[in-house]
Protein backbone atom coordinates (compact mmCIF):
# COMPACT_ATOMS: atom_id res chain seq x y z
CA UNK A 1 0.00 0.00 0.00
CA UNK A 2 1.60 3.24 -1.08
CA UNK A 3 1.29 6.72 0.36
CA UNK A 4 0.53 8.75 -2.74
CA UNK A 5 -0.46 12.37 -3.31
CA UNK A 6 -4.05 11.63 -2.30
CA UNK A 7 -2.90 10.17 1.04
CA UNK A 8 -0.52 13.07 1.71
CA UNK A 9 -3.36 15.56 1.18
CA UNK A 10 -5.76 13.51 3.32
CA UNK A 11 -3.11 13.10 6.04
CA UNK A 12 -2.40 16.83 6.14
CA UNK A 13 -6.11 17.62 6.53
CA UNK A 14 -6.47 14.97 9.24
CA UNK A 15 -3.49 16.39 11.18
CA UNK A 16 -4.93 19.90 10.91
CA UNK A 17 -8.13 18.65 12.56
CA UNK A 18 -6.29 16.38 15.03
CA UNK A 19 -3.03 18.22 15.76
CA UNK A 20 -1.95 16.50 18.98
CA UNK A 21 -0.59 13.06 19.82
CA UNK A 22 -3.38 11.03 21.43
CA UNK A 23 -0.96 9.28 23.78
CA UNK A 24 0.64 12.52 24.95
CA UNK A 25 -2.84 13.99 25.48
CA UNK A 26 -3.63 11.06 27.78
CA UNK A 27 -0.71 12.29 29.92
CA UNK A 28 -1.95 15.90 29.82
CA UNK A 29 0.70 16.98 27.30
CA UNK A 30 -0.28 18.96 24.19
CA UNK A 31 2.36 17.64 21.81
CA UNK A 32 1.86 18.81 18.23
CA UNK A 33 5.43 18.24 17.04
CA UNK A 34 6.21 15.77 14.25
CA UNK A 35 2.68 14.32 14.14
CA UNK A 36 1.99 11.18 12.10
CA UNK A 37 -1.34 9.67 11.16
CA UNK A 38 -1.33 6.12 12.49
CA UNK A 39 -3.58 3.34 11.26
CA UNK A 40 -4.89 1.53 14.34
CA UNK A 41 -5.39 -1.58 12.24
CA UNK A 42 -2.27 -1.45 10.06
CA UNK A 43 -2.68 -1.39 6.30
CA UNK A 44 -0.73 -4.65 6.13
CA UNK A 45 -3.63 -6.24 8.01
CA UNK A 46 -6.53 -4.45 6.28
CA UNK A 47 -5.72 -2.08 3.40
CA UNK A 48 -9.40 -1.21 2.97
CA UNK A 49 -9.16 0.92 6.15
CA UNK A 50 -6.69 3.40 4.67
CA UNK A 51 -9.15 6.32 4.78
CA UNK A 52 -11.42 5.02 7.56
CA UNK A 53 -11.57 7.83 10.15
CA UNK A 54 -12.38 5.34 12.91
CA UNK A 55 -9.08 3.60 12.14
CA UNK A 56 -6.86 6.68 12.44
CA UNK A 57 -5.14 8.51 15.28
CA UNK A 58 -2.59 11.30 15.50
CA UNK A 59 0.65 10.28 17.18
CA UNK A 60 4.01 11.96 17.70
CA UNK A 61 7.12 10.59 16.03
CA UNK A 62 8.28 8.92 19.23
CA UNK A 63 5.01 7.11 19.89
CA UNK A 64 4.71 6.18 16.21
CA UNK A 65 8.13 4.54 16.38
CA UNK A 66 7.15 2.62 19.51
CA UNK A 67 3.88 1.49 17.89
CA UNK A 68 5.73 0.32 14.77
CA UNK A 69 8.35 -1.59 16.78
CA UNK A 70 5.68 -3.25 18.89
CA UNK A 71 3.69 -4.23 15.78
CA UNK A 72 6.78 -5.71 14.12
CA UNK A 73 7.74 -7.60 17.29
CA UNK A 74 4.31 -8.76 18.51
CA UNK A 75 1.79 -8.17 15.73
CA UNK A 76 -0.09 -5.70 17.97
CA UNK A 77 -0.30 -2.02 17.03
CA UNK A 78 -0.59 -0.88 20.66
CA UNK A 79 1.69 0.61 23.25
CA UNK A 80 2.67 -1.25 26.36
CA UNK A 81 2.25 0.57 29.68
CA UNK A 82 6.05 0.85 30.01
CA UNK A 83 6.23 2.68 26.65
CA UNK A 84 3.82 5.40 27.79
CA UNK A 85 6.13 6.49 30.59
CA UNK A 86 9.15 7.06 28.29
CA UNK A 87 7.88 10.19 26.54
C-alpha atoms as a PDB file:
ATOM      1  CA  UNK A   1       0.000   0.000   0.000  1.00  0.00           C
ATOM      2  CA  UNK A   2       1.597   3.242  -1.079  1.00  0.00           C
ATOM      3  CA  UNK A   3       1.286   6.718   0.358  1.00  0.00           C
ATOM      4  CA  UNK A   4       0.531   8.748  -2.743  1.00  0.00           C
ATOM      5  CA  UNK A   5      -0.462  12.373  -3.311  1.00  0.00           C
ATOM      6  CA  UNK A   6      -4.054  11.628  -2.304  1.00  0.00           C
ATOM      7  CA  UNK A   7      -2.900  10.169   1.036  1.00  0.00           C
ATOM      8  CA  UNK A   8      -0.517  13.074   1.712  1.00  0.00           C
ATOM      9  CA  UNK A   9      -3.357  15.564   1.180  1.00  0.00           C
ATOM     10  CA  UNK A  10      -5.756  13.511   3.319  1.00  0.00           C
ATOM     11  CA  UNK A  11      -3.115  13.100   6.042  1.00  0.00           C
ATOM     12  CA  UNK A  12      -2.400  16.828   6.144  1.00  0.00           C
ATOM     13  CA  UNK A  13      -6.106  17.618   6.532  1.00  0.00           C
ATOM     14  CA  UNK A  14      -6.469  14.972   9.242  1.00  0.00           C
ATOM     15  CA  UNK A  15      -3.493  16.389  11.177  1.00  0.00           C
ATOM     16  CA  UNK A  16      -4.930  19.902  10.910  1.00  0.00           C
ATOM     17  CA  UNK A  17      -8.126  18.651  12.559  1.00  0.00           C
ATOM     18  CA  UNK A  18      -6.288  16.381  15.034  1.00  0.00           C
ATOM     19  CA  UNK A  19      -3.027  18.224  15.760  1.00  0.00           C
ATOM     20  CA  UNK A  20      -1.951  16.504  18.980  1.00  0.00           C
ATOM     21  CA  UNK A  21      -0.586  13.060  19.819  1.00  0.00           C
ATOM     22  CA  UNK A  22      -3.378  11.032  21.431  1.00  0.00           C
ATOM     23  CA  UNK A  23      -0.961   9.278  23.783  1.00  0.00           C
ATOM     24  CA  UNK A  24       0.643  12.521  24.949  1.00  0.00           C
ATOM     25  CA  UNK A  25      -2.842  13.990  25.479  1.00  0.00           C
ATOM     26  CA  UNK A  26      -3.629  11.064  27.783  1.00  0.00           C
ATOM     27  CA  UNK A  27      -0.709  12.289  29.917  1.00  0.00           C
ATOM     28  CA  UNK A  28      -1.949  15.899  29.825  1.00  0.00           C
ATOM     29  CA  UNK A  29       0.705  16.984  27.301  1.00  0.00           C
ATOM     30  CA  UNK A  30      -0.283  18.960  24.192  1.00  0.00           C
ATOM     31  CA  UNK A  31       2.363  17.641  21.812  1.00  0.00           C
ATOM     32  CA  UNK A  32       1.861  18.814  18.231  1.00  0.00           C
ATOM     33  CA  UNK A  33       5.433  18.238  17.040  1.00  0.00           C
ATOM     34  CA  UNK A  34       6.207  15.769  14.250  1.00  0.00           C
ATOM     35  CA  UNK A  35       2.677  14.316  14.139  1.00  0.00           C
ATOM     36  CA  UNK A  36       1.994  11.181  12.101  1.00  0.00           C
ATOM     37  CA  UNK A  37      -1.344   9.671  11.162  1.00  0.00           C
ATOM     38  CA  UNK A  38      -1.328   6.121  12.489  1.00  0.00           C
ATOM     39  CA  UNK A  39      -3.582   3.337  11.259  1.00  0.00           C
ATOM     40  CA  UNK A  40      -4.894   1.535  14.339  1.00  0.00           C
ATOM     41  CA  UNK A  41      -5.394  -1.578  12.242  1.00  0.00           C
ATOM     42  CA  UNK A  42      -2.272  -1.446  10.063  1.00  0.00           C
ATOM     43  CA  UNK A  43      -2.677  -1.388   6.300  1.00  0.00           C
ATOM     44  CA  UNK A  44      -0.733  -4.646   6.131  1.00  0.00           C
ATOM     45  CA  UNK A  45      -3.631  -6.241   8.009  1.00  0.00           C
ATOM     46  CA  UNK A  46      -6.532  -4.454   6.282  1.00  0.00           C
ATOM     47  CA  UNK A  47      -5.715  -2.080   3.395  1.00  0.00           C
ATOM     48  CA  UNK A  48      -9.403  -1.210   2.971  1.00  0.00           C
ATOM     49  CA  UNK A  49      -9.163   0.925   6.145  1.00  0.00           C
ATOM     50  CA  UNK A  50      -6.686   3.402   4.668  1.00  0.00           C
ATOM     51  CA  UNK A  51      -9.153   6.322   4.776  1.00  0.00           C
ATOM     52  CA  UNK A  52     -11.422   5.022   7.564  1.00  0.00           C
ATOM     53  CA  UNK A  53     -11.567   7.829  10.145  1.00  0.00           C
ATOM     54  CA  UNK A  54     -12.383   5.341  12.913  1.00  0.00           C
ATOM     55  CA  UNK A  55      -9.080   3.596  12.139  1.00  0.00           C
ATOM     56  CA  UNK A  56      -6.864   6.681  12.435  1.00  0.00           C
ATOM     57  CA  UNK A  57      -5.141   8.511  15.277  1.00  0.00           C
ATOM     58  CA  UNK A  58      -2.592  11.295  15.495  1.00  0.00           C
ATOM     59  CA  UNK A  59       0.649  10.280  17.180  1.00  0.00           C
ATOM     60  CA  UNK A  60       4.007  11.962  17.698  1.00  0.00           C
ATOM     61  CA  UNK A  61       7.115  10.592  16.026  1.00  0.00           C
ATOM     62  CA  UNK A  62       8.281   8.919  19.230  1.00  0.00           C
ATOM     63  CA  UNK A  63       5.008   7.108  19.894  1.00  0.00           C
ATOM     64  CA  UNK A  64       4.712   6.179  16.215  1.00  0.00           C
ATOM     65  CA  UNK A  65       8.133   4.538  16.383  1.00  0.00           C
ATOM     66  CA  UNK A  66       7.146   2.624  19.506  1.00  0.00           C
ATOM     67  CA  UNK A  67       3.885   1.488  17.886  1.00  0.00           C
ATOM     68  CA  UNK A  68       5.731   0.320  14.775  1.00  0.00           C
ATOM     69  CA  UNK A  69       8.353  -1.588  16.785  1.00  0.00           C
ATOM     70  CA  UNK A  70       5.682  -3.252  18.891  1.00  0.00           C
ATOM     71  CA  UNK A  71       3.690  -4.228  15.785  1.00  0.00           C
ATOM     72  CA  UNK A  72       6.777  -5.713  14.124  1.00  0.00           C
ATOM     73  CA  UNK A  73       7.738  -7.604  17.290  1.00  0.00           C
ATOM     74  CA  UNK A  74       4.311  -8.755  18.510  1.00  0.00           C
ATOM     75  CA  UNK A  75       1.792  -8.172  15.730  1.00  0.00           C
ATOM     76  CA  UNK A  76      -0.091  -5.700  17.973  1.00  0.00           C
ATOM     77  CA  UNK A  77      -0.297  -2.024  17.031  1.00  0.00           C
ATOM     78  CA  UNK A  78      -0.588  -0.877  20.655  1.00  0.00           C
ATOM     79  CA  UNK A  79       1.695   0.607  23.253  1.00  0.00           C
ATOM     80  CA  UNK A  80       2.666  -1.248  26.360  1.00  0.00           C
ATOM     81  CA  UNK A  81       2.248   0.569  29.685  1.00  0.00           C
ATOM     82  CA  UNK A  82       6.048   0.849  30.011  1.00  0.00           C
ATOM     83  CA  UNK A  83       6.230   2.681  26.650  1.00  0.00           C
ATOM     84  CA  UNK A  84       3.821   5.397  27.788  1.00  0.00           C
ATOM     85  CA  UNK A  85       6.126   6.492  30.594  1.00  0.00           C
ATOM     86  CA  UNK A  86       9.145   7.057  28.286  1.00  0.00           C
ATOM     87  CA  UNK A  87       7.879  10.190  26.537  1.00  0.00           C
END
